[in-house]
């Protein structure tokens, strides 16, 4: 029976991959929250009477939602309320 040294790099690699996955999920959640807020803002400036006020004074433009299919393809944010 051969004795192989314990590989510490394996644990570091596994932890790094877990950290990357967690960060990916965090980015996906942030994008989902941002896009939801963009949707609310865009709806708000287009609904009466806000659209009249916006047209006459503020001139706010609709914002494009952020799209990144690589991050958001398998992520669906569901708030806990």
N, C-alpha and C. Protein backbone atom coordinates (compact mmCIF):
# COMPACT_ATOMS: atom_id res chain seq x y z
N UNK A 1 0.85 -1.17 0.00
CA UNK A 1 0.00 0.00 0.00
C UNK A 1 0.89 1.23 0.00
N UNK A 2 0.61 2.11 -0.96
CA UNK A 2 1.41 3.33 -1.07
C UNK A 2 0.77 4.45 -0.26
N UNK A 3 1.58 5.27 0.35
CA UNK A 3 1.08 6.42 1.10
C UNK A 3 1.27 7.68 0.25
N UNK A 4 0.16 8.31 -0.08
CA UNK A 4 0.21 9.55 -0.85
C UNK A 4 0.05 10.72 0.11
N UNK A 5 0.75 11.81 -0.15
CA UNK A 5 0.58 12.98 0.73
C UNK A 5 -0.82 13.57 0.56
N UNK A 6 -1.30 14.17 1.63
CA UNK A 6 -2.62 14.81 1.58
C UNK A 6 -2.53 16.06 0.71
N UNK A 7 -3.44 16.16 -0.23
CA UNK A 7 -3.43 17.30 -1.14
C UNK A 7 -4.29 18.42 -0.57
N UNK A 8 -3.65 19.53 -0.24
CA UNK A 8 -4.39 20.68 0.29
C UNK A 8 -4.97 21.51 -0.85
N UNK A 9 -4.39 21.41 -2.01
CA UNK A 9 -4.88 22.19 -3.15
C UNK A 9 -6.30 21.76 -3.52
N UNK A 10 -6.62 20.50 -3.32
CA UNK A 10 -7.95 20.00 -3.64
C UNK A 10 -9.02 20.73 -2.82
N UNK A 11 -8.76 20.93 -1.54
CA UNK A 11 -9.70 21.64 -0.67
C UNK A 11 -9.79 23.12 -1.07
N UNK A 12 -8.65 23.71 -1.39
CA UNK A 12 -8.65 25.11 -1.80
C UNK A 12 -9.42 25.30 -3.11
N UNK A 13 -9.21 24.39 -4.03
CA UNK A 13 -9.91 24.46 -5.31
C UNK A 13 -11.42 24.30 -5.11
N UNK A 14 -11.80 23.37 -4.27
CA UNK A 14 -13.22 23.15 -4.00
C UNK A 14 -13.85 24.38 -3.35
N UNK A 15 -13.15 24.99 -2.39
CA UNK A 15 -13.65 26.20 -1.73
C UNK A 15 -13.75 27.34 -2.73
N UNK A 16 -12.75 27.47 -3.59
CA UNK A 16 -12.76 28.53 -4.59
C UNK A 16 -13.96 28.36 -5.54
N UNK A 17 -14.23 27.14 -5.96
CA UNK A 17 -15.36 26.89 -6.85
C UNK A 17 -16.69 27.20 -6.15
N UNK A 18 -16.79 26.87 -4.87
CA UNK A 18 -17.99 27.20 -4.10
C UNK A 18 -18.16 28.71 -3.98
N UNK A 19 -17.05 29.41 -3.74
CA UNK A 19 -17.10 30.88 -3.65
C UNK A 19 -17.51 31.51 -4.97
N UNK A 20 -16.99 30.98 -6.06
CA UNK A 20 -17.36 31.51 -7.38
C UNK A 20 -18.84 31.28 -7.65
N UNK A 21 -19.34 30.11 -7.30
CA UNK A 21 -20.77 29.82 -7.49
C UNK A 21 -21.63 30.77 -6.66
N UNK A 22 -21.22 31.00 -5.42
CA UNK A 22 -21.97 31.92 -4.55
C UNK A 22 -21.97 33.33 -5.11
N UNK A 23 -20.82 33.79 -5.60
CA UNK A 23 -20.74 35.13 -6.19
C UNK A 23 -21.59 35.23 -7.45
N UNK A 24 -21.62 34.17 -8.23
CA UNK A 24 -22.45 34.14 -9.43
C UNK A 24 -23.93 34.29 -9.05
N UNK A 25 -24.34 33.60 -7.99
CA UNK A 25 -25.72 33.71 -7.52
C UNK A 25 -26.01 35.12 -7.00
N UNK A 26 -25.05 35.72 -6.31
CA UNK A 26 -25.23 37.08 -5.81
C UNK A 26 -25.38 38.07 -6.96
N UNK A 27 -24.59 37.91 -7.99
CA UNK A 27 -24.69 38.79 -9.16
C UNK A 27 -26.05 38.60 -9.83
N UNK A 28 -26.47 37.36 -9.96
CA UNK A 28 -27.78 37.09 -10.55
C UNK A 28 -28.91 37.73 -9.75
N UNK A 29 -28.81 37.66 -8.42
CA UNK A 29 -29.83 38.27 -7.57
C UNK A 29 -29.82 39.79 -7.73
N UNK A 30 -28.64 40.38 -7.77
CA UNK A 30 -28.54 41.84 -7.93
C UNK A 30 -29.11 42.28 -9.27
N UNK A 31 -28.84 41.53 -10.32
CA UNK A 31 -29.38 41.87 -11.64
C UNK A 31 -30.90 41.77 -11.64
N UNK A 32 -31.42 40.73 -11.01
CA UNK A 32 -32.88 40.57 -10.94
C UNK A 32 -33.53 41.71 -10.18
N UNK A 33 -32.94 42.10 -9.06
CA UNK A 33 -33.47 43.21 -8.27
C UNK A 33 -33.39 44.51 -9.07
N UNK A 34 -32.26 44.75 -9.72
CA UNK A 34 -32.11 45.95 -10.54
C UNK A 34 -33.17 45.99 -11.64
N UNK A 35 -33.34 44.87 -12.34
CA UNK A 35 -34.31 44.84 -13.44
C UNK A 35 -35.74 45.04 -12.94
N UNK A 36 -36.05 44.52 -11.77
CA UNK A 36 -37.38 44.74 -11.20
C UNK A 36 -37.58 46.22 -10.89
N UNK A 37 -36.57 46.86 -10.33
CA UNK A 37 -36.67 48.29 -10.03
C UNK A 37 -36.75 49.12 -11.30
N UNK A 38 -36.04 48.71 -12.34
CA UNK A 38 -36.13 49.40 -13.64
C UNK A 38 -37.55 49.29 -14.18
N UNK A 39 -38.13 48.10 -14.07
CA UNK A 39 -39.50 47.90 -14.55
C UNK A 39 -40.48 48.80 -13.78
N UNK A 40 -40.33 48.86 -12.46
CA UNK A 40 -41.20 49.72 -11.65
C UNK A 40 -41.02 51.19 -12.02
N UNK A 41 -39.78 51.62 -12.19
CA UNK A 41 -39.51 53.01 -12.57
C UNK A 41 -40.12 53.34 -13.92
N UNK A 42 -39.88 52.47 -14.90
CA UNK A 42 -40.41 52.72 -16.25
C UNK A 42 -41.93 52.78 -16.24
N UNK A 43 -42.56 51.89 -15.50
CA UNK A 43 -44.02 51.93 -15.40
C UNK A 43 -44.49 53.21 -14.71
N UNK A 44 -43.76 53.62 -13.69
CA UNK A 44 -44.14 54.81 -12.92
C UNK A 44 -44.12 56.07 -13.79
N UNK A 45 -43.10 56.23 -14.62
CA UNK A 45 -43.02 57.45 -15.43
C UNK A 45 -43.95 57.43 -16.63
N UNK A 46 -44.58 56.29 -16.90
CA UNK A 46 -45.46 56.19 -18.07
C UNK A 46 -46.95 56.20 -17.71
N UNK A 47 -47.28 56.17 -16.41
CA UNK A 47 -48.67 56.09 -15.97
C UNK A 47 -49.18 57.49 -15.62
N UNK A 48 -50.45 57.74 -15.95
CA UNK A 48 -51.10 59.00 -15.62
C UNK A 48 -51.24 59.13 -14.11
N UNK A 49 -51.02 60.25 -13.49
CA UNK A 49 -50.63 61.57 -13.98
C UNK A 49 -49.12 61.77 -14.01
N UNK A 50 -48.37 60.74 -13.61
CA UNK A 50 -46.91 60.89 -13.57
C UNK A 50 -46.33 61.20 -14.94
N UNK A 51 -46.94 60.65 -15.99
CA UNK A 51 -46.42 60.91 -17.33
C UNK A 51 -46.56 62.38 -17.71
N UNK A 52 -47.61 63.05 -17.24
CA UNK A 52 -47.76 64.48 -17.52
C UNK A 52 -46.69 65.30 -16.80
N UNK A 53 -46.49 65.00 -15.53
CA UNK A 53 -45.47 65.71 -14.75
C UNK A 53 -44.09 65.46 -15.34
N UNK A 54 -43.84 64.23 -15.70
CA UNK A 54 -42.54 63.88 -16.28
C UNK A 54 -42.32 64.61 -17.60
N UNK A 55 -43.33 64.66 -18.43
CA UNK A 55 -43.21 65.32 -19.73
C UNK A 55 -42.96 66.82 -19.58
N UNK A 56 -43.65 67.44 -18.63
CA UNK A 56 -43.55 68.90 -18.49
C UNK A 56 -42.34 69.36 -17.69
N UNK A 57 -41.88 68.56 -16.74
CA UNK A 57 -40.83 69.07 -15.86
C UNK A 57 -39.58 68.21 -15.79
N UNK A 58 -39.73 66.95 -15.58
CA UNK A 58 -38.57 66.10 -15.27
C UNK A 58 -37.86 65.55 -16.49
N UNK A 59 -38.61 65.20 -17.49
CA UNK A 59 -38.07 64.61 -18.72
C UNK A 59 -37.22 63.36 -18.46
N UNK A 60 -37.69 62.53 -17.55
CA UNK A 60 -36.99 61.26 -17.27
C UNK A 60 -37.22 60.31 -18.44
N UNK A 61 -36.19 59.60 -18.80
CA UNK A 61 -36.26 58.63 -19.89
C UNK A 61 -36.35 57.22 -19.30
N UNK A 62 -36.99 56.34 -20.03
CA UNK A 62 -37.07 54.95 -19.60
C UNK A 62 -35.67 54.34 -19.61
N UNK A 63 -35.44 53.45 -18.67
CA UNK A 63 -34.14 52.79 -18.53
C UNK A 63 -34.23 51.39 -19.12
N UNK A 64 -33.17 50.99 -19.82
CA UNK A 64 -33.13 49.63 -20.36
C UNK A 64 -32.73 48.65 -19.26
N UNK A 65 -33.43 47.53 -19.15
CA UNK A 65 -33.02 46.51 -18.17
C UNK A 65 -31.68 45.89 -18.56
N UNK A 66 -30.95 45.44 -17.56
CA UNK A 66 -29.67 44.78 -17.80
C UNK A 66 -29.92 43.35 -18.23
N UNK A 67 -29.22 42.91 -19.26
CA UNK A 67 -29.35 41.53 -19.70
C UNK A 67 -27.97 40.89 -19.77
N UNK A 68 -27.86 39.75 -19.14
CA UNK A 68 -26.65 38.93 -19.20
C UNK A 68 -27.10 37.49 -19.03
N UNK A 69 -27.31 36.82 -20.13
CA UNK A 69 -27.88 35.48 -20.10
C UNK A 69 -27.00 34.48 -19.36
N UNK A 70 -25.70 34.67 -19.40
CA UNK A 70 -24.80 33.74 -18.73
C UNK A 70 -25.06 33.73 -17.22
N UNK A 71 -25.30 34.89 -16.64
CA UNK A 71 -25.51 34.97 -15.20
C UNK A 71 -26.94 34.63 -14.81
N UNK A 72 -27.90 35.08 -15.58
CA UNK A 72 -29.29 34.99 -15.16
C UNK A 72 -30.06 33.80 -15.73
N UNK A 73 -29.45 32.96 -16.54
CA UNK A 73 -30.21 31.91 -17.21
C UNK A 73 -30.86 30.92 -16.24
N UNK A 74 -30.19 30.57 -15.15
CA UNK A 74 -30.75 29.59 -14.23
C UNK A 74 -31.08 30.19 -12.87
N UNK A 75 -31.26 31.50 -12.82
CA UNK A 75 -31.51 32.13 -11.54
C UNK A 75 -32.86 32.82 -11.56
N UNK A 76 -33.66 32.55 -10.55
CA UNK A 76 -34.97 33.18 -10.43
C UNK A 76 -35.09 33.72 -9.02
N UNK A 77 -35.03 35.04 -8.87
CA UNK A 77 -35.08 35.66 -7.55
C UNK A 77 -36.51 35.66 -7.02
N UNK A 78 -36.68 35.18 -5.80
CA UNK A 78 -37.98 35.18 -5.15
C UNK A 78 -37.81 35.82 -3.78
N UNK A 79 -38.33 37.03 -3.58
CA UNK A 79 -38.19 37.68 -2.28
C UNK A 79 -38.96 36.93 -1.19
N UNK A 80 -38.51 37.10 0.05
CA UNK A 80 -39.12 36.39 1.18
C UNK A 80 -40.12 37.28 1.91
N UNK A 81 -41.20 37.66 1.25
CA UNK A 81 -42.24 38.41 1.94
C UNK A 81 -43.59 38.07 1.42
